[in-house]
């Protein structure tokens, strides 16, 4: 069984790399941000709260995040392990996680702030089906329309210069100390997230002593 945490600033490719690792090794990909976005799109009570927080470019409270993560992991549908994306984001969440679960490694995707801005401001989301696009390397065939359902592509509410500046400040101020906690336990492998996704995938596998990809 393999249990990993993947960390990195928004736009570093956490979701892409998590999905690839999960598919290759039968891991369950637990994307905390996707859980919250599902609640927003389905107009749940939790979603209404999260919408207000995300629109302000803020992070949800520790209690809220810990509750969502605990509920998800308690399903125990991860027979071969999991990779968790978007948690922990601060020291309290890291201590909570380490008290509850043994992990095999922390994948840290490193990306300069200037590249983060370029990638994040190019992201689009289908307003109908929720499919993600990035105008840099995964543009739709028809401009502004989803390839899957024809829905309108929009920016996420929190993908603005102002909200991104808040998130970067929060990331560097709160998330970097989390990496220090994991580094003290020798869990962290740091990966340059600037190359293409296949190169990043191969670097992750090498750092974690996983079999090389045959694709």
C-alpha atoms as a PDB file:
ATOM      1  CA  UNK A   1       0.000   0.000   0.000  1.00  0.00           C
ATOM      2  CA  UNK A   2       1.266   3.443  -0.937  1.00  0.00           C
ATOM      3  CA  UNK A   3       0.132   6.654   0.761  1.00  0.00           C
ATOM      4  CA  UNK A   4       1.336   9.976  -0.556  1.00  0.00           C
ATOM      5  CA  UNK A   5       0.746  13.674  -0.058  1.00  0.00           C
ATOM      6  CA  UNK A   6       1.326  16.016  -2.997  1.00  0.00           C
ATOM      7  CA  UNK A   7       1.990  19.685  -2.348  1.00  0.00           C
ATOM      8  CA  UNK A   8       2.627  22.736  -4.463  1.00  0.00           C
ATOM      9  CA  UNK A   9       1.246  26.153  -5.192  1.00  0.00           C
ATOM     10  CA  UNK A  10      -1.819  26.475  -7.424  1.00  0.00           C
ATOM     11  CA  UNK A  11      -0.952  25.866 -11.051  1.00  0.00           C
ATOM     12  CA  UNK A  12       1.984  23.570 -10.247  1.00  0.00           C
ATOM     13  CA  UNK A  13       0.217  20.519 -11.668  1.00  0.00           C
ATOM     14  CA  UNK A  14      -0.815  18.749  -8.477  1.00  0.00           C
ATOM     15  CA  UNK A  15      -4.086  17.527  -9.960  1.00  0.00           C
ATOM     16  CA  UNK A  16      -2.478  16.282 -13.171  1.00  0.00           C
ATOM     17  CA  UNK A  17       0.356  14.450 -11.434  1.00  0.00           C
ATOM     18  CA  UNK A  18      -1.962  13.009  -8.781  1.00  0.00           C
ATOM     19  CA  UNK A  19      -4.294  11.623 -11.440  1.00  0.00           C
ATOM     20  CA  UNK A  20      -1.406  10.067 -13.366  1.00  0.00           C
ATOM     21  CA  UNK A  21       0.094   8.448 -10.265  1.00  0.00           C
ATOM     22  CA  UNK A  22      -3.314   7.212  -9.136  1.00  0.00           C
ATOM     23  CA  UNK A  23      -4.073   5.642 -12.510  1.00  0.00           C
ATOM     24  CA  UNK A  24      -0.678   3.942 -12.768  1.00  0.00           C
ATOM     25  CA  UNK A  25      -0.665   2.436  -9.267  1.00  0.00           C
ATOM     26  CA  UNK A  26      -4.388   1.963  -8.502  1.00  0.00           C
ATOM     27  CA  UNK A  27      -4.343   4.704  -5.880  1.00  0.00           C
ATOM     28  CA  UNK A  28      -7.374   6.729  -4.854  1.00  0.00           C
ATOM     29  CA  UNK A  29      -6.882  10.388  -5.741  1.00  0.00           C
ATOM     30  CA  UNK A  30      -8.368  12.543  -3.007  1.00  0.00           C
ATOM     31  CA  UNK A  31      -8.518  16.145  -4.223  1.00  0.00           C
ATOM     32  CA  UNK A  32      -9.782  18.279  -1.370  1.00  0.00           C
ATOM     33  CA  UNK A  33     -10.380  21.252  -3.662  1.00  0.00           C
ATOM     34  CA  UNK A  34     -12.555  19.123  -5.957  1.00  0.00           C
ATOM     35  CA  UNK A  35     -14.660  18.019  -2.984  1.00  0.00           C
ATOM     36  CA  UNK A  36     -15.320  21.629  -2.100  1.00  0.00           C
ATOM     37  CA  UNK A  37     -16.001  22.594  -5.730  1.00  0.00           C
ATOM     38  CA  UNK A  38     -18.518  19.743  -6.061  1.00  0.00           C
ATOM     39  CA  UNK A  39     -20.391  21.167  -3.095  1.00  0.00           C
ATOM     40  CA  UNK A  40     -20.299  24.645  -4.646  1.00  0.00           C
ATOM     41  CA  UNK A  41     -21.612  23.400  -8.014  1.00  0.00           C
ATOM     42  CA  UNK A  42     -24.365  21.375  -6.348  1.00  0.00           C
ATOM     43  CA  UNK A  43     -25.459  24.273  -4.132  1.00  0.00           C
ATOM     44  CA  UNK A  44     -25.074  22.451  -0.824  1.00  0.00           C
ATOM     45  CA  UNK A  45     -24.936  24.284   2.490  1.00  0.00           C
ATOM     46  CA  UNK A  46     -21.203  23.622   2.630  1.00  0.00           C
ATOM     47  CA  UNK A  47     -20.916  24.855  -0.940  1.00  0.00           C
ATOM     48  CA  UNK A  48     -22.527  28.205  -0.136  1.00  0.00           C
ATOM     49  CA  UNK A  49     -20.006  28.768   2.636  1.00  0.00           C
ATOM     50  CA  UNK A  50     -17.078  27.726   0.466  1.00  0.00           C
ATOM     51  CA  UNK A  51     -18.229  29.983  -2.393  1.00  0.00           C
ATOM     52  CA  UNK A  52     -18.016  33.051  -0.160  1.00  0.00           C
ATOM     53  CA  UNK A  53     -14.565  32.054   1.082  1.00  0.00           C
ATOM     54  CA  UNK A  54     -13.173  31.245  -2.378  1.00  0.00           C
ATOM     55  CA  UNK A  55     -14.508  34.459  -3.920  1.00  0.00           C
ATOM     56  CA  UNK A  56     -12.545  36.410  -1.295  1.00  0.00           C
ATOM     57  CA  UNK A  57      -9.393  34.452  -2.133  1.00  0.00           C
ATOM     58  CA  UNK A  58      -9.199  33.041   1.393  1.00  0.00           C
ATOM     59  CA  UNK A  59      -8.627  29.524   2.705  1.00  0.00           C
ATOM     60  CA  UNK A  60     -11.329  27.538   4.478  1.00  0.00           C
ATOM     61  CA  UNK A  61     -10.936  26.937   8.214  1.00  0.00           C
ATOM     62  CA  UNK A  62      -8.877  24.091   9.663  1.00  0.00           C
ATOM     63  CA  UNK A  63     -11.910  22.505  11.300  1.00  0.00           C
ATOM     64  CA  UNK A  64     -13.825  22.476   8.025  1.00  0.00           C
ATOM     65  CA  UNK A  65     -10.953  21.000   6.017  1.00  0.00           C
ATOM     66  CA  UNK A  66     -10.064  18.397   8.653  1.00  0.00           C
ATOM     67  CA  UNK A  67     -13.697  17.286   8.826  1.00  0.00           C
ATOM     68  CA  UNK A  68     -13.912  16.838   5.049  1.00  0.00           C
ATOM     69  CA  UNK A  69     -10.608  14.913   4.894  1.00  0.00           C
ATOM     70  CA  UNK A  70     -11.506  12.651   7.820  1.00  0.00           C
ATOM     71  CA  UNK A  71     -14.896  11.807   6.323  1.00  0.00           C
ATOM     72  CA  UNK A  72     -13.323  10.980   2.962  1.00  0.00           C
ATOM     73  CA  UNK A  73     -10.560   8.767   4.348  1.00  0.00           C
ATOM     74  CA  UNK A  74     -12.973   6.926   6.620  1.00  0.00           C
ATOM     75  CA  UNK A  75     -14.614   5.381   3.551  1.00  0.00           C
ATOM     76  CA  UNK A  76     -11.578   3.073   3.284  1.00  0.00           C
ATOM     77  CA  UNK A  77     -11.993   2.558  -0.452  1.00  0.00           C
ATOM     78  CA  UNK A  78      -8.241   2.933  -0.958  1.00  0.00           C
ATOM     79  CA  UNK A  79      -7.165  -0.729  -1.013  1.00  0.00           C
ATOM     80  CA  UNK A  80      -3.840   0.016  -2.695  1.00  0.00           C
ATOM     81  CA  UNK A  81      -3.334   3.421  -1.116  1.00  0.00           C
ATOM     82  CA  UNK A  82      -4.096   7.061  -1.818  1.00  0.00           C
ATOM     83  CA  UNK A  83      -2.587  10.310  -2.952  1.00  0.00           C
ATOM     84  CA  UNK A  84      -4.049  13.369  -1.274  1.00  0.00           C
ATOM     85  CA  UNK A  85      -3.960  16.723  -3.049  1.00  0.00           C
ATOM     86  CA  UNK A  86      -4.701  20.026  -1.311  1.00  0.00           C
ATOM     87  CA  UNK A  87      -4.057  18.928   2.280  1.00  0.00           C
ATOM     88  CA  UNK A  88      -2.438  19.710   4.671  1.00  0.00           C
ATOM     89  CA  UNK A  89      -2.052  23.448   4.135  1.00  0.00           C
ATOM     90  CA  UNK A  90      -0.718  24.587   7.493  1.00  0.00           C
ATOM     91  CA  UNK A  91       1.090  23.284  10.562  1.00  0.00           C
ATOM     92  CA  UNK A  92      -2.053  22.374  12.491  1.00  0.00           C
ATOM     93  CA  UNK A  93      -3.413  20.340   9.579  1.00  0.00           C
ATOM     94  CA  UNK A  94      -0.023  18.620   9.153  1.00  0.00           C
ATOM     95  CA  UNK A  95       0.102  17.576  12.809  1.00  0.00           C
ATOM     96  CA  UNK A  96      -3.519  16.370  12.605  1.00  0.00           C
ATOM     97  CA  UNK A  97      -2.677  14.297   9.530  1.00  0.00           C
ATOM     98  CA  UNK A  98       0.507  12.745  10.918  1.00  0.00           C
ATOM     99  CA  UNK A  99      -1.272  11.770  14.130  1.00  0.00           C
ATOM    100  CA  UNK A 100      -3.909   9.889  12.131  1.00  0.00           C
ATOM    101  CA  UNK A 101      -2.106   8.360   9.133  1.00  0.00           C
ATOM    102  CA  UNK A 102       1.254   6.888   8.177  1.00  0.00           C
ATOM    103  CA  UNK A 103       2.509   8.178   4.852  1.00  0.00           C
ATOM    104  CA  UNK A 104       5.214   6.993   2.470  1.00  0.00           C
ATOM    105  CA  UNK A 105       6.230  10.286   0.940  1.00  0.00           C
ATOM    106  CA  UNK A 106       5.449  13.937   0.284  1.00  0.00           C
ATOM    107  CA  UNK A 107       5.796  15.128  -3.303  1.00  0.00           C
ATOM    108  CA  UNK A 108       6.616  18.839  -3.412  1.00  0.00           C
ATOM    109  CA  UNK A 109       6.149  20.447  -6.825  1.00  0.00           C
ATOM    110  CA  UNK A 110       8.278  23.593  -7.013  1.00  0.00           C
ATOM    111  CA  UNK A 111       7.185  26.482  -9.270  1.00  0.00           C
ATOM    112  CA  UNK A 112       8.227  30.173  -9.295  1.00  0.00           C
ATOM    113  CA  UNK A 113       5.483  32.716  -8.565  1.00  0.00           C
ATOM    114  CA  UNK A 114       5.849  34.253 -12.026  1.00  0.00           C
ATOM    115  CA  UNK A 115       5.046  30.911 -13.666  1.00  0.00           C
ATOM    116  CA  UNK A 116       2.170  30.365 -11.239  1.00  0.00           C
ATOM    117  CA  UNK A 117       0.563  33.619 -12.391  1.00  0.00           C
ATOM    118  CA  UNK A 118       0.986  32.717 -16.068  1.00  0.00           C
ATOM    119  CA  UNK A 119      -0.608  29.289 -15.607  1.00  0.00           C
ATOM    120  CA  UNK A 120      -3.422  30.243 -13.249  1.00  0.00           C
ATOM    121  CA  UNK A 121      -4.640  33.191 -15.297  1.00  0.00           C
ATOM    122  CA  UNK A 122      -4.909  30.874 -18.328  1.00  0.00           C
ATOM    123  CA  UNK A 123      -7.170  28.340 -16.576  1.00  0.00           C
ATOM    124  CA  UNK A 124     -10.761  27.879 -17.669  1.00  0.00           C
ATOM    125  CA  UNK A 125     -13.592  25.716 -16.323  1.00  0.00           C
ATOM    126  CA  UNK A 126     -16.683  24.433 -18.123  1.00  0.00           C
ATOM    127  CA  UNK A 127     -19.681  26.026 -16.443  1.00  0.00           C
ATOM    128  CA  UNK A 128     -21.796  23.009 -17.370  1.00  0.00           C
ATOM    129  CA  UNK A 129     -19.758  19.837 -16.728  1.00  0.00           C
ATOM    130  CA  UNK A 130     -16.822  21.188 -14.714  1.00  0.00           C
ATOM    131  CA  UNK A 131     -14.070  19.996 -17.103  1.00  0.00           C
ATOM    132  CA  UNK A 132     -10.779  21.884 -16.647  1.00  0.00           C
ATOM    133  CA  UNK A 133      -8.829  23.555 -19.444  1.00  0.00           C
ATOM    134  CA  UNK A 134      -5.646  25.604 -19.626  1.00  0.00           C
ATOM    135  CA  UNK A 135      -5.318  27.936 -22.596  1.00  0.00           C
ATOM    136  CA  UNK A 136      -1.533  27.463 -22.605  1.00  0.00           C
ATOM    137  CA  UNK A 137      -1.429  23.750 -23.355  1.00  0.00           C
ATOM    138  CA  UNK A 138      -4.969  22.348 -23.440  1.00  0.00           C
ATOM    139  CA  UNK A 139      -7.155  24.791 -25.354  1.00  0.00           C
ATOM    140  CA  UNK A 140     -10.598  23.651 -26.552  1.00  0.00           C
ATOM    141  CA  UNK A 141     -11.155  23.022 -30.259  1.00  0.00           C
ATOM    142  CA  UNK A 142     -13.743  25.811 -30.371  1.00  0.00           C
ATOM    143  CA  UNK A 143     -12.738  28.936 -28.501  1.00  0.00           C
ATOM    144  CA  UNK A 144     -14.766  29.421 -25.329  1.00  0.00           C
ATOM    145  CA  UNK A 145     -16.646  26.096 -25.648  1.00  0.00           C
ATOM    146  CA  UNK A 146     -16.149  22.802 -23.846  1.00  0.00           C
ATOM    147  CA  UNK A 147     -15.090  19.947 -26.132  1.00  0.00           C
ATOM    148  CA  UNK A 148     -17.082  17.434 -24.076  1.00  0.00           C
ATOM    149  CA  UNK A 149     -20.479  19.121 -23.744  1.00  0.00           C
ATOM    150  CA  UNK A 150     -20.342  22.449 -25.575  1.00  0.00           C
ATOM    151  CA  UNK A 151     -20.744  24.386 -22.341  1.00  0.00           C
ATOM    152  CA  UNK A 152     -19.339  27.869 -21.843  1.00  0.00           C
ATOM    153  CA  UNK A 153     -15.798  28.112 -20.498  1.00  0.00           C
ATOM    154  CA  UNK A 154     -15.338  30.552 -17.644  1.00  0.00           C
ATOM    155  CA  UNK A 155     -12.641  31.567 -15.200  1.00  0.00           C
ATOM    156  CA  UNK A 156     -12.997  30.257 -11.673  1.00  0.00           C
ATOM    157  CA  UNK A 157     -14.269  32.889  -9.303  1.00  0.00           C
ATOM    158  CA  UNK A 158     -10.994  32.826  -7.402  1.00  0.00           C
ATOM    159  CA  UNK A 159      -8.728  33.086 -10.489  1.00  0.00           C
ATOM    160  CA  UNK A 160      -8.170  36.834 -10.336  1.00  0.00           C
ATOM    161  CA  UNK A 161      -4.920  38.750  -9.823  1.00  0.00           C
ATOM    162  CA  UNK A 162      -6.142  39.969  -6.428  1.00  0.00           C
ATOM    163  CA  UNK A 163      -7.251  36.557  -5.189  1.00  0.00           C
ATOM    164  CA  UNK A 164      -4.082  34.913  -6.514  1.00  0.00           C
ATOM    165  CA  UNK A 165      -1.909  37.419  -4.637  1.00  0.00           C
ATOM    166  CA  UNK A 166      -3.725  36.479  -1.418  1.00  0.00           C
ATOM    167  CA  UNK A 167      -3.292  32.747  -2.116  1.00  0.00           C
ATOM    168  CA  UNK A 168       0.426  33.115  -2.833  1.00  0.00           C
ATOM    169  CA  UNK A 169       0.899  35.035   0.392  1.00  0.00           C
ATOM    170  CA  UNK A 170      -1.023  32.357   2.303  1.00  0.00           C
ATOM    171  CA  UNK A 171       0.912  29.591   0.586  1.00  0.00           C
ATOM    172  CA  UNK A 172       4.350  30.934   1.403  1.00  0.00           C
ATOM    173  CA  UNK A 173       3.360  31.947   4.914  1.00  0.00           C
ATOM    174  CA  UNK A 174       1.476  28.810   5.940  1.00  0.00           C
ATOM    175  CA  UNK A 175       2.402  25.944   3.653  1.00  0.00           C
ATOM    176  CA  UNK A 176       6.190  26.263   3.709  1.00  0.00           C
ATOM    177  CA  UNK A 177       6.287  25.484   7.458  1.00  0.00           C
ATOM    178  CA  UNK A 178       4.327  22.298   6.691  1.00  0.00           C
ATOM    179  CA  UNK A 179       7.125  21.183   4.387  1.00  0.00           C
ATOM    180  CA  UNK A 180       9.589  21.777   7.221  1.00  0.00           C
ATOM    181  CA  UNK A 181       7.565  19.407   9.438  1.00  0.00           C
ATOM    182  CA  UNK A 182       7.614  16.715   6.754  1.00  0.00           C
ATOM    183  CA  UNK A 183      11.298  17.322   5.967  1.00  0.00           C
ATOM    184  CA  UNK A 184      12.222  16.640   9.583  1.00  0.00           C
ATOM    185  CA  UNK A 185      10.742  13.178   9.069  1.00  0.00           C
ATOM    186  CA  UNK A 186      12.574  12.827   5.727  1.00  0.00           C
ATOM    187  CA  UNK A 187       9.341  12.430   3.776  1.00  0.00           C
ATOM    188  CA  UNK A 188       9.800  15.186   1.178  1.00  0.00           C
ATOM    189  CA  UNK A 189      10.962  14.845  -2.431  1.00  0.00           C
ATOM    190  CA  UNK A 190      11.159  18.189  -4.265  1.00  0.00           C
ATOM    191  CA  UNK A 191      10.410  18.172  -7.992  1.00  0.00           C
ATOM    192  CA  UNK A 192      10.845  20.977 -10.556  1.00  0.00           C
ATOM    193  CA  UNK A 193       7.311  21.475 -11.930  1.00  0.00           C
ATOM    194  CA  UNK A 194       8.331  23.611 -14.928  1.00  0.00           C
ATOM    195  CA  UNK A 195       8.991  20.814 -17.516  1.00  0.00           C
ATOM    196  CA  UNK A 196       6.175  19.035 -19.349  1.00  0.00           C
ATOM    197  CA  UNK A 197       3.939  16.677 -17.396  1.00  0.00           C
ATOM    198  CA  UNK A 198       5.645  13.485 -18.614  1.00  0.00           C
ATOM    199  CA  UNK A 199       9.057  14.718 -17.474  1.00  0.00           C
ATOM    200  CA  UNK A 200       7.627  15.723 -14.102  1.00  0.00           C
ATOM    201  CA  UNK A 201       5.935  12.313 -13.794  1.00  0.00           C
ATOM    202  CA  UNK A 202       9.229  10.534 -14.490  1.00  0.00           C
ATOM    203  CA  UNK A 203      11.079  12.704 -11.953  1.00  0.00           C
ATOM    204  CA  UNK A 204       8.481  11.866  -9.301  1.00  0.00           C
ATOM    205  CA  UNK A 205       8.774   8.128  -9.965  1.00  0.00           C
ATOM    206  CA  UNK A 206      12.556   8.285  -9.766  1.00  0.00           C
ATOM    207  CA  UNK A 207      12.510  10.260  -6.512  1.00  0.00           C
ATOM    208  CA  UNK A 208      10.037   7.835  -4.917  1.00  0.00           C
ATOM    209  CA  UNK A 209      11.866   4.730  -6.203  1.00  0.00           C
ATOM    210  CA  UNK A 210       8.829   3.694  -8.228  1.00  0.00           C
ATOM    211  CA  UNK A 211       9.087   1.687 -11.472  1.00  0.00           C
ATOM    212  CA  UNK A 212       9.706   3.899 -14.527  1.00  0.00           C
ATOM    213  CA  UNK A 213       6.824   4.568 -16.866  1.00  0.00           C
ATOM    214  CA  UNK A 214       6.548   2.440 -20.000  1.00  0.00           C
ATOM    215  CA  UNK A 215       4.564   5.138 -21.787  1.00  0.00           C
END
